[in-house]
C-alpha atoms as a PDB file:
ATOM      1  CA  MET A   1     -22.054  39.901 -67.625  1.00  0.00           C
ATOM      2  CA  THR A   2     -23.464  36.226 -65.907  1.00  0.00           C
ATOM      3  CA  SER A   3     -20.780  33.054 -66.656  1.00  0.00           C
ATOM      4  CA  ILE A   4     -20.584  29.571 -66.407  1.00  0.00           C
ATOM      5  CA  ASP A   5     -18.658  27.053 -67.237  1.00  0.00           C
ATOM      6  CA  LEU A   6     -19.453  23.801 -69.529  1.00  0.00           C
ATOM      7  CA  ASN A   7     -18.352  20.705 -68.811  1.00  0.00           C
ATOM      8  CA  ALA A   8     -18.418  17.044 -69.251  1.00  0.00           C
ATOM      9  CA  ASP A   9     -17.839  13.278 -68.991  1.00  0.00           C
ATOM     10  CA  LEU A  10     -15.951  12.503 -71.383  1.00  0.00           C
ATOM     11  CA  GLY A  11     -13.333   9.823 -71.975  1.00  0.00           C
ATOM     12  CA  GLU A  12     -15.389   6.781 -70.324  1.00  0.00           C
ATOM     13  CA  GLY A  13     -14.088   3.804 -72.169  1.00  0.00           C
ATOM     14  CA  PHE A  14     -12.594   0.812 -72.410  1.00  0.00           C
ATOM     15  CA  GLY A  15     -10.425   0.052 -75.205  1.00  0.00           C
ATOM     16  CA  ARG A  16     -12.444  -0.873 -78.435  1.00  0.00           C
ATOM     17  CA  TRP A  17     -15.456  -0.284 -76.575  1.00  0.00           C
ATOM     18  CA  GLN A  18     -16.137   3.847 -76.155  1.00  0.00           C
ATOM     19  CA  LEU A  19     -19.024   4.900 -74.527  1.00  0.00           C
ATOM     20  CA  THR A  20     -19.114   8.748 -75.056  1.00  0.00           C
ATOM     21  CA  ASP A  21     -19.069  10.748 -78.021  1.00  0.00           C
ATOM     22  CA  ASP A  22     -15.565  11.934 -76.765  1.00  0.00           C
ATOM     23  CA  GLU A  23     -14.874  14.748 -80.227  1.00  0.00           C
ATOM     24  CA  ARG A  24     -18.274  16.232 -80.726  1.00  0.00           C
ATOM     25  CA  LEU A  25     -19.129  16.747 -76.898  1.00  0.00           C
ATOM     26  CA  LEU A  26     -15.658  19.161 -76.997  1.00  0.00           C
ATOM     27  CA  SER A  27     -16.752  21.413 -79.559  1.00  0.00           C
ATOM     28  CA  VAL A  28     -19.481  22.836 -77.153  1.00  0.00           C
ATOM     29  CA  VAL A  29     -18.179  22.071 -73.800  1.00  0.00           C
ATOM     30  CA  THR A  30     -14.940  24.265 -72.147  1.00  0.00           C
ATOM     31  CA  SER A  31     -14.055  21.677 -69.879  1.00  0.00           C
ATOM     32  CA  ALA A  32     -13.375  17.602 -70.451  1.00  0.00           C
ATOM     33  CA  ASN A  33     -13.243  16.029 -67.286  1.00  0.00           C
ATOM     34  CA  VAL A  34     -10.910  12.884 -68.198  1.00  0.00           C
ATOM     35  CA  ALA A  35     -11.899   9.439 -66.567  1.00  0.00           C
ATOM     36  CA  CYS A  36      -8.480   7.966 -65.106  1.00  0.00           C
ATOM     37  CA  GLY A  37      -8.583   4.692 -65.282  1.00  0.00           C
ATOM     38  CA  PHE A  38     -10.362   3.669 -62.382  1.00  0.00           C
ATOM     39  CA  HIS A  39     -14.107   3.928 -63.646  1.00  0.00           C
ATOM     40  CA  ALA A  40     -13.520   3.614 -67.356  1.00  0.00           C
ATOM     41  CA  GLY A  41     -10.478   5.243 -69.372  1.00  0.00           C
ATOM     42  CA  ASP A  42      -7.213   3.761 -70.756  1.00  0.00           C
ATOM     43  CA  ALA A  43      -3.837   4.765 -71.549  1.00  0.00           C
ATOM     44  CA  ALA A  44      -4.488   5.327 -75.273  1.00  0.00           C
ATOM     45  CA  THR A  45      -7.901   6.586 -74.399  1.00  0.00           C
ATOM     46  CA  MET A  46      -6.693   9.199 -72.184  1.00  0.00           C
ATOM     47  CA  ARG A  47      -4.079  10.394 -75.149  1.00  0.00           C
ATOM     48  CA  ARG A  48      -6.645  11.154 -77.550  1.00  0.00           C
ATOM     49  CA  VAL A  49      -8.742  12.402 -75.820  1.00  0.00           C
ATOM     50  CA  CYS A  50      -6.517  15.609 -74.500  1.00  0.00           C
ATOM     51  CA  GLU A  51      -5.688  15.737 -77.927  1.00  0.00           C
ATOM     52  CA  LEU A  52      -8.247  16.314 -79.157  1.00  0.00           C
ATOM     53  CA  ALA A  53      -9.135  18.801 -75.473  1.00  0.00           C
ATOM     54  CA  ALA A  54      -5.198  20.829 -76.358  1.00  0.00           C
ATOM     55  CA  ALA A  55      -7.346  21.375 -79.814  1.00  0.00           C
ATOM     56  CA  ARG A  56      -9.852  22.864 -79.853  1.00  0.00           C
ATOM     57  CA  GLY A  57      -8.913  25.274 -76.067  1.00  0.00           C
ATOM     58  CA  VAL A  58     -10.836  22.732 -73.835  1.00  0.00           C
ATOM     59  CA  ARG A  59      -9.376  22.433 -70.141  1.00  0.00           C
ATOM     60  CA  ILE A  60      -8.843  19.555 -69.109  1.00  0.00           C
ATOM     61  CA  GLY A  61      -9.971  18.226 -65.389  1.00  0.00           C
ATOM     62  CA  ALA A  62      -8.929  14.693 -63.893  1.00  0.00           C
ATOM     63  CA  GLN A  63     -11.959  12.531 -62.489  1.00  0.00           C
ATOM     64  CA  VAL A  64     -10.632  10.520 -59.654  1.00  0.00           C
ATOM     65  CA  SER A  65     -12.261   7.288 -58.703  1.00  0.00           C
ATOM     66  CA  TYR A  66     -12.598   4.325 -56.498  1.00  0.00           C
ATOM     67  CA  ARG A  67     -11.191   2.051 -58.651  1.00  0.00           C
ATOM     68  CA  ASP A  68     -13.950   0.165 -60.210  1.00  0.00           C
ATOM     69  CA  LEU A  69     -13.912  -0.567 -63.533  1.00  0.00           C
ATOM     70  CA  ALA A  70     -16.911  -3.387 -63.588  1.00  0.00           C
ATOM     71  CA  GLY A  71     -18.907  -0.728 -62.020  1.00  0.00           C
ATOM     72  CA  PHE A  72     -17.864   2.373 -63.521  1.00  0.00           C
ATOM     73  CA  GLY A  73     -17.060   3.785 -60.028  1.00  0.00           C
ATOM     74  CA  ARG A  74     -20.809   3.676 -59.282  1.00  0.00           C
ATOM     75  CA  ARG A  75     -20.231   0.683 -56.164  1.00  0.00           C
ATOM     76  CA  ALA A  76     -19.831   2.635 -52.775  1.00  0.00           C
ATOM     77  CA  MET A  77     -16.575   1.632 -51.606  1.00  0.00           C
ATOM     78  CA  ASP A  78     -14.831   1.645 -48.350  1.00  0.00           C
ATOM     79  CA  VAL A  79     -10.593   2.577 -49.197  1.00  0.00           C
ATOM     80  CA  PRO A  80      -8.170   3.794 -46.209  1.00  0.00           C
ATOM     81  CA  PRO A  81      -7.138   7.282 -46.359  1.00  0.00           C
ATOM     82  CA  ALA A  82      -3.644   6.508 -47.256  1.00  0.00           C
ATOM     83  CA  GLU A  83      -4.320   4.261 -50.142  1.00  0.00           C
ATOM     84  CA  LEU A  84      -7.383   7.002 -51.820  1.00  0.00           C
ATOM     85  CA  ALA A  85      -4.871   9.216 -51.642  1.00  0.00           C
ATOM     86  CA  ALA A  86      -1.597   7.400 -53.417  1.00  0.00           C
ATOM     87  CA  GLU A  87      -4.756   6.747 -56.007  1.00  0.00           C
ATOM     88  CA  VAL A  88      -5.913   9.883 -56.287  1.00  0.00           C
ATOM     89  CA  ALA A  89      -3.008  11.049 -57.101  1.00  0.00           C
ATOM     90  CA  TYR A  90      -1.351   8.297 -59.569  1.00  0.00           C
ATOM     91  CA  GLN A  91      -4.810   9.663 -61.234  1.00  0.00           C
ATOM     92  CA  ILE A  92      -4.381  13.008 -61.626  1.00  0.00           C
ATOM     93  CA  GLY A  93      -0.266  11.701 -62.663  1.00  0.00           C
ATOM     94  CA  ALA A  94      -1.001   9.518 -65.111  1.00  0.00           C
ATOM     95  CA  LEU A  95      -3.626  12.162 -67.573  1.00  0.00           C
ATOM     96  CA  GLU A  96      -1.501  15.321 -66.630  1.00  0.00           C
ATOM     97  CA  VAL A  97       1.366  12.659 -69.269  1.00  0.00           C
ATOM     98  CA  PHE A  98      -0.907  12.462 -71.837  1.00  0.00           C
ATOM     99  CA  ALA A  99      -1.791  16.567 -71.374  1.00  0.00           C
ATOM    100  CA  ARG A 100       1.765  17.813 -70.539  1.00  0.00           C
ATOM    101  CA  ALA A 101       2.461  16.090 -74.016  1.00  0.00           C
ATOM    102  CA  ALA A 102      -0.557  17.073 -75.738  1.00  0.00           C
ATOM    103  CA  GLY A 103       0.383  20.281 -74.997  1.00  0.00           C
ATOM    104  CA  THR A 104      -1.266  21.386 -72.282  1.00  0.00           C
ATOM    105  CA  ARG A 105      -2.104  20.376 -68.770  1.00  0.00           C
ATOM    106  CA  VAL A 106      -4.849  19.527 -66.141  1.00  0.00           C
ATOM    107  CA  SER A 107      -6.615  21.886 -64.942  1.00  0.00           C
ATOM    108  CA  TYR A 108      -8.741  20.751 -62.117  1.00  0.00           C
ATOM    109  CA  VAL A 109     -10.124  17.931 -60.419  1.00  0.00           C
ATOM    110  CA  LYS A 110     -13.486  15.983 -59.874  1.00  0.00           C
ATOM    111  CA  PRO A 111     -13.767  12.538 -58.297  1.00  0.00           C
ATOM    112  CA  HIS A 112     -16.147  10.384 -60.120  1.00  0.00           C
ATOM    113  CA  GLY A 113     -19.352   8.715 -59.071  1.00  0.00           C
ATOM    114  CA  ALA A 114     -19.724   6.848 -55.086  1.00  0.00           C
ATOM    115  CA  LEU A 115     -16.607   9.039 -54.721  1.00  0.00           C
ATOM    116  CA  TYR A 116     -17.723  12.208 -54.985  1.00  0.00           C
ATOM    117  CA  ASN A 117     -20.999  11.458 -53.195  1.00  0.00           C
ATOM    118  CA  ARG A 118     -19.224  10.058 -50.274  1.00  0.00           C
ATOM    119  CA  VAL A 119     -16.679  12.985 -50.014  1.00  0.00           C
ATOM    120  CA  VAL A 120     -19.956  16.056 -49.919  1.00  0.00           C
ATOM    121  CA  HIS A 121     -20.925  14.339 -46.336  1.00  0.00           C
ATOM    122  CA  ASP A 122     -17.928  11.789 -45.639  1.00  0.00           C
ATOM    123  CA  GLU A 123     -14.820  14.090 -43.991  1.00  0.00           C
ATOM    124  CA  GLU A 124     -12.079  11.605 -43.373  1.00  0.00           C
ATOM    125  CA  GLN A 125     -12.447  10.430 -47.570  1.00  0.00           C
ATOM    126  CA  ALA A 126     -12.942  14.429 -48.491  1.00  0.00           C
ATOM    127  CA  GLY A 127      -9.577  14.209 -47.099  1.00  0.00           C
ATOM    128  CA  ALA A 128      -8.159  11.729 -48.457  1.00  0.00           C
ATOM    129  CA  VAL A 129      -9.147  13.147 -52.067  1.00  0.00           C
ATOM    130  CA  VAL A 130      -7.538  16.708 -50.918  1.00  0.00           C
ATOM    131  CA  ASP A 131      -4.568  14.719 -49.833  1.00  0.00           C
ATOM    132  CA  GLY A 132      -4.024  12.966 -53.439  1.00  0.00           C
ATOM    133  CA  VAL A 133      -4.980  16.289 -55.206  1.00  0.00           C
ATOM    134  CA  LEU A 134      -1.725  17.626 -52.942  1.00  0.00           C
ATOM    135  CA  LEU A 135       0.093  15.627 -53.731  1.00  0.00           C
ATOM    136  CA  ALA A 136      -0.369  15.833 -56.880  1.00  0.00           C
ATOM    137  CA  ASP A 137      -0.484  19.116 -57.677  1.00  0.00           C
ATOM    138  CA  ALA A 138      -0.746  21.184 -54.604  1.00  0.00           C
ATOM    139  CA  ALA A 139      -2.486  24.265 -56.198  1.00  0.00           C
ATOM    140  CA  LEU A 140      -5.258  22.494 -58.374  1.00  0.00           C
ATOM    141  CA  PRO A 141      -8.358  23.261 -57.591  1.00  0.00           C
ATOM    142  CA  VAL A 142     -10.687  21.116 -57.321  1.00  0.00           C
ATOM    143  CA  LEU A 143     -14.477  20.581 -58.582  1.00  0.00           C
ATOM    144  CA  GLY A 144     -17.537  19.300 -55.770  1.00  0.00           C
ATOM    145  CA  LEU A 145     -20.625  20.264 -55.135  1.00  0.00           C
ATOM    146  CA  PRO A 146     -21.667  22.840 -52.781  1.00  0.00           C
ATOM    147  CA  ASP A 147     -21.512  23.227 -49.145  1.00  0.00           C
ATOM    148  CA  SER A 148     -20.042  19.382 -49.830  1.00  0.00           C
ATOM    149  CA  ARG A 149     -17.406  18.324 -46.654  1.00  0.00           C
ATOM    150  CA  LEU A 150     -15.147  17.762 -49.558  1.00  0.00           C
ATOM    151  CA  LEU A 151     -14.416  21.773 -51.283  1.00  0.00           C
ATOM    152  CA  GLU A 152     -15.013  22.376 -47.362  1.00  0.00           C
ATOM    153  CA  VAL A 153     -11.542  20.243 -46.678  1.00  0.00           C
ATOM    154  CA  ALA A 154     -10.402  21.465 -49.962  1.00  0.00           C
ATOM    155  CA  ALA A 155     -10.227  25.715 -48.946  1.00  0.00           C
ATOM    156  CA  LYS A 156      -8.754  24.778 -45.815  1.00  0.00           C
ATOM    157  CA  ALA A 157      -5.625  22.697 -47.377  1.00  0.00           C
ATOM    158  CA  GLY A 158      -6.096  26.207 -49.673  1.00  0.00           C
ATOM    159  CA  LEU A 159      -6.969  24.794 -52.822  1.00  0.00           C
ATOM    160  CA  PRO A 160      -9.883  26.813 -55.347  1.00  0.00           C
ATOM    161  CA  ALA A 161     -12.600  24.659 -54.446  1.00  0.00           C
ATOM    162  CA  VAL A 162     -15.295  25.002 -57.235  1.00  0.00           C
ATOM    163  CA  GLU A 163     -19.400  24.843 -56.954  1.00  0.00           C
ATOM    164  CA  GLU A 164     -20.824  22.687 -59.212  1.00  0.00           C
ATOM    165  CA  ALA A 165     -24.443  22.189 -60.505  1.00  0.00           C
ATOM    166  CA  PHE A 166     -26.303  19.439 -62.342  1.00  0.00           C
ATOM    167  CA  ALA A 167     -28.643  20.066 -65.145  1.00  0.00           C
ATOM    168  CA  ASP A 168     -29.358  16.369 -65.587  1.00  0.00           C
ATOM    169  CA  ARG A 169     -29.537  15.380 -61.941  1.00  0.00           C
ATOM    170  CA  ALA A 170     -32.271  15.537 -60.119  1.00  0.00           C
ATOM    171  CA  TYR A 171     -31.720  17.694 -56.813  1.00  0.00           C
ATOM    172  CA  THR A 172     -33.063  16.622 -52.418  1.00  0.00           C
ATOM    173  CA  ASP A 173     -34.647  19.669 -50.767  1.00  0.00           C
ATOM    174  CA  GLN A 174     -31.398  19.420 -48.928  1.00  0.00           C
ATOM    175  CA  GLY A 175     -29.284  21.193 -52.222  1.00  0.00           C
ATOM    176  CA  THR A 176     -27.663  16.683 -53.031  1.00  0.00           C
ATOM    177  CA  LEU A 177     -28.150  14.845 -55.930  1.00  0.00           C
ATOM    178  CA  VAL A 178     -30.721  12.278 -55.601  1.00  0.00           C
ATOM    179  CA  PRO A 179     -29.668   8.530 -55.793  1.00  0.00           C
ATOM    180  CA  ARG A 180     -29.636   7.097 -59.138  1.00  0.00           C
ATOM    181  CA  GLY A 181     -31.263   4.082 -57.803  1.00  0.00           C
ATOM    182  CA  GLN A 182     -34.386   6.007 -57.676  1.00  0.00           C
ATOM    183  CA  ASP A 183     -36.409   7.178 -60.008  1.00  0.00           C
ATOM    184  CA  GLY A 184     -36.492  10.552 -62.159  1.00  0.00           C
ATOM    185  CA  ALA A 185     -32.637  10.552 -60.747  1.00  0.00           C
ATOM    186  CA  VAL A 186     -31.487  10.766 -63.903  1.00  0.00           C
ATOM    187  CA  VAL A 187     -33.890  14.218 -66.016  1.00  0.00           C
ATOM    188  CA  THR A 188     -34.179  12.927 -69.365  1.00  0.00           C
ATOM    189  CA  ASP A 189     -36.224  15.357 -70.930  1.00  0.00           C
ATOM    190  CA  PRO A 190     -33.933  17.807 -73.137  1.00  0.00           C
ATOM    191  CA  GLU A 191     -36.188  21.282 -72.842  1.00  0.00           C
ATOM    192  CA  THR A 192     -36.469  20.327 -68.521  1.00  0.00           C
ATOM    193  CA  VAL A 193     -32.973  20.138 -68.840  1.00  0.00           C
ATOM    194  CA  VAL A 194     -31.958  23.107 -71.097  1.00  0.00           C
ATOM    195  CA  GLU A 195     -34.725  25.711 -68.692  1.00  0.00           C
ATOM    196  CA  ARG A 196     -32.619  23.747 -65.436  1.00  0.00           C
ATOM    197  CA  SER A 197     -29.499  24.992 -67.446  1.00  0.00           C
ATOM    198  CA  ILE A 198     -30.722  28.347 -68.072  1.00  0.00           C
ATOM    199  CA  GLY A 199     -32.110  28.998 -64.363  1.00  0.00           C
ATOM    200  CA  LEU A 200     -28.918  27.158 -62.305  1.00  0.00           C
ATOM    201  CA  ALA A 201     -27.197  29.783 -64.082  1.00  0.00           C
ATOM    202  CA  ARG A 202     -29.143  32.747 -64.120  1.00  0.00           C
ATOM    203  CA  SER A 203     -30.268  32.921 -60.646  1.00  0.00           C
ATOM    204  CA  GLY A 204     -28.460  29.884 -58.667  1.00  0.00           C
ATOM    205  CA  VAL A 205     -32.061  27.735 -58.330  1.00  0.00           C
ATOM    206  CA  VAL A 206     -33.191  25.129 -59.789  1.00  0.00           C
ATOM    207  CA  THR A 207     -36.712  22.812 -58.339  1.00  0.00           C
ATOM    208  CA  SER A 208     -36.083  19.085 -56.291  1.00  0.00           C
ATOM    209  CA  HIS A 209     -37.411  15.892 -56.488  1.00  0.00           C
ATOM    210  CA  SER A 210     -40.761  17.019 -54.953  1.00  0.00           C
ATOM    211  CA  GLY A 211     -41.185  20.734 -56.657  1.00  0.00           C
ATOM    212  CA  ALA A 212     -38.829  23.507 -54.160  1.00  0.00           C
ATOM    213  CA  GLU A 213     -37.480  26.139 -55.307  1.00  0.00           C
ATOM    214  CA  VAL A 214     -33.708  24.742 -53.936  1.00  0.00           C
ATOM    215  CA  ALA A 215     -30.372  27.114 -54.051  1.00  0.00           C
ATOM    216  CA  VAL A 216     -27.816  26.101 -56.276  1.00  0.00           C
ATOM    217  CA  ARG A 217     -24.289  28.022 -56.321  1.00  0.00           C
ATOM    218  CA  ALA A 218     -22.856  26.925 -59.212  1.00  0.00           C
ATOM    219  CA  ARG A 219     -19.316  27.960 -61.259  1.00  0.00           C
ATOM    220  CA  SER A 220     -19.605  25.135 -63.751  1.00  0.00           C
ATOM    221  CA  LEU A 221     -22.264  23.158 -65.248  1.00  0.00           C
ATOM    222  CA  CYS A 222     -22.678  19.560 -65.628  1.00  0.00           C
ATOM    223  CA  LEU A 223     -24.004  17.466 -68.208  1.00  0.00           C
ATOM    224  CA  HIS A 224     -23.387  13.935 -68.828  1.00  0.00           C
ATOM    225  CA  GLY A 225     -21.485  11.823 -71.244  1.00  0.00           C
ATOM    226  CA  ASP A 226     -22.950   9.296 -71.523  1.00  0.00           C
ATOM    227  CA  THR A 227     -26.785   9.707 -72.264  1.00  0.00           C
ATOM    228  CA  PRO A 228     -28.692   9.475 -74.734  1.00  0.00           C
ATOM    229  CA  GLY A 229     -28.696  12.658 -77.288  1.00  0.00           C
ATOM    230  CA  ALA A 230     -25.935  13.341 -75.703  1.00  0.00           C
ATOM    231  CA  VAL A 231     -24.058  15.706 -77.634  1.00  0.00           C
ATOM    232  CA  GLU A 232     -27.467  18.061 -78.837  1.00  0.00           C
ATOM    233  CA  LEU A 233     -28.331  18.318 -75.465  1.00  0.00           C
ATOM    234  CA  ALA A 234     -25.360  19.606 -74.501  1.00  0.00           C
ATOM    235  CA  ARG A 235     -25.812  22.459 -78.158  1.00  0.00           C
ATOM    236  CA  ARG A 236     -29.076  22.983 -77.070  1.00  0.00           C
ATOM    237  CA  VAL A 237     -28.362  24.189 -73.360  1.00  0.00           C
ATOM    238  CA  ARG A 238     -24.603  25.794 -74.441  1.00  0.00           C
ATOM    239  CA  ALA A 239     -27.122  27.739 -77.523  1.00  0.00           C
ATOM    240  CA  ARG A 240     -29.983  29.021 -75.597  1.00  0.00           C
ATOM    241  CA  LEU A 241     -27.548  29.974 -72.144  1.00  0.00           C
ATOM    242  CA  GLU A 242     -25.790  32.118 -74.439  1.00  0.00           C
ATOM    243  CA  GLU A 243     -29.518  33.417 -75.927  1.00  0.00           C
ATOM    244  CA  SER A 244     -30.370  34.165 -72.804  1.00  0.00           C
ATOM    245  CA  GLY A 245     -26.699  36.480 -71.689  1.00  0.00           C
ATOM    246  CA  VAL A 246     -25.348  33.651 -70.016  1.00  0.00           C
ATOM    247  CA  LEU A 247     -21.157  33.243 -71.393  1.00  0.00           C
ATOM    248  CA  VAL A 248     -20.261  30.666 -71.969  1.00  0.00           C
ATOM    249  CA  GLU A 249     -16.784  30.039 -70.667  1.00  0.00           C
ATOM    250  CA  ALA A 250     -14.215  27.811 -68.387  1.00  0.00           C
ATOM    251  CA  PHE A 251     -13.648  28.409 -64.475  1.00  0.00           C
ATOM    252  CA  VAL A 252      -9.871  28.439 -64.261  1.00  0.00           C
END
């Protein structure tokens, strides 16, 4: 049977401000990319999301980022590799404390925002992220875009490299994500997102921004938790995947 993991970015709040409906999304997804305080999130939020995820049997992933709270981690930054490696390890370690306190552990690592896009092509920054993961736990899987430098470097370092796709983001003809600043970068029509999810899970193909058919291998499918109607959309995606014969389960 075809199977796929369903992940979402969670814990993206700070103090009294909350962006994602963590509790309801955790009733749908199988993996939670938890913000670790650098682009969003704080200690109390991290603890709460870890407890909720553990209670529901959802895998916890550390969503690491450039240090950019004001820009939500979506602004391009140049961070020296040694510094970036230390900051990645720091974020993983912080989340691990709350995961273990909740009776579980951090199961994988996924970069966020500008860092995620940077390590698709930048081998030096990709190497820094991998060095940070190795500092924290030399067995942690790394989640990223297929054919990215990040997954290439991770695999060479002996880390499990897990390919993911995005149901609600537009793709270029080269299989990369259309930059958020461009029109149509985020797919908002619910039925389109659902159909793209099924196509990605069953055939590994998505229609690009220009209309071309692009091969995108994926063991995990991401839905953004900060889009309007994210919970209902996630429920529709999961229900239709299962109706089409796809088993929705965590990749680890």
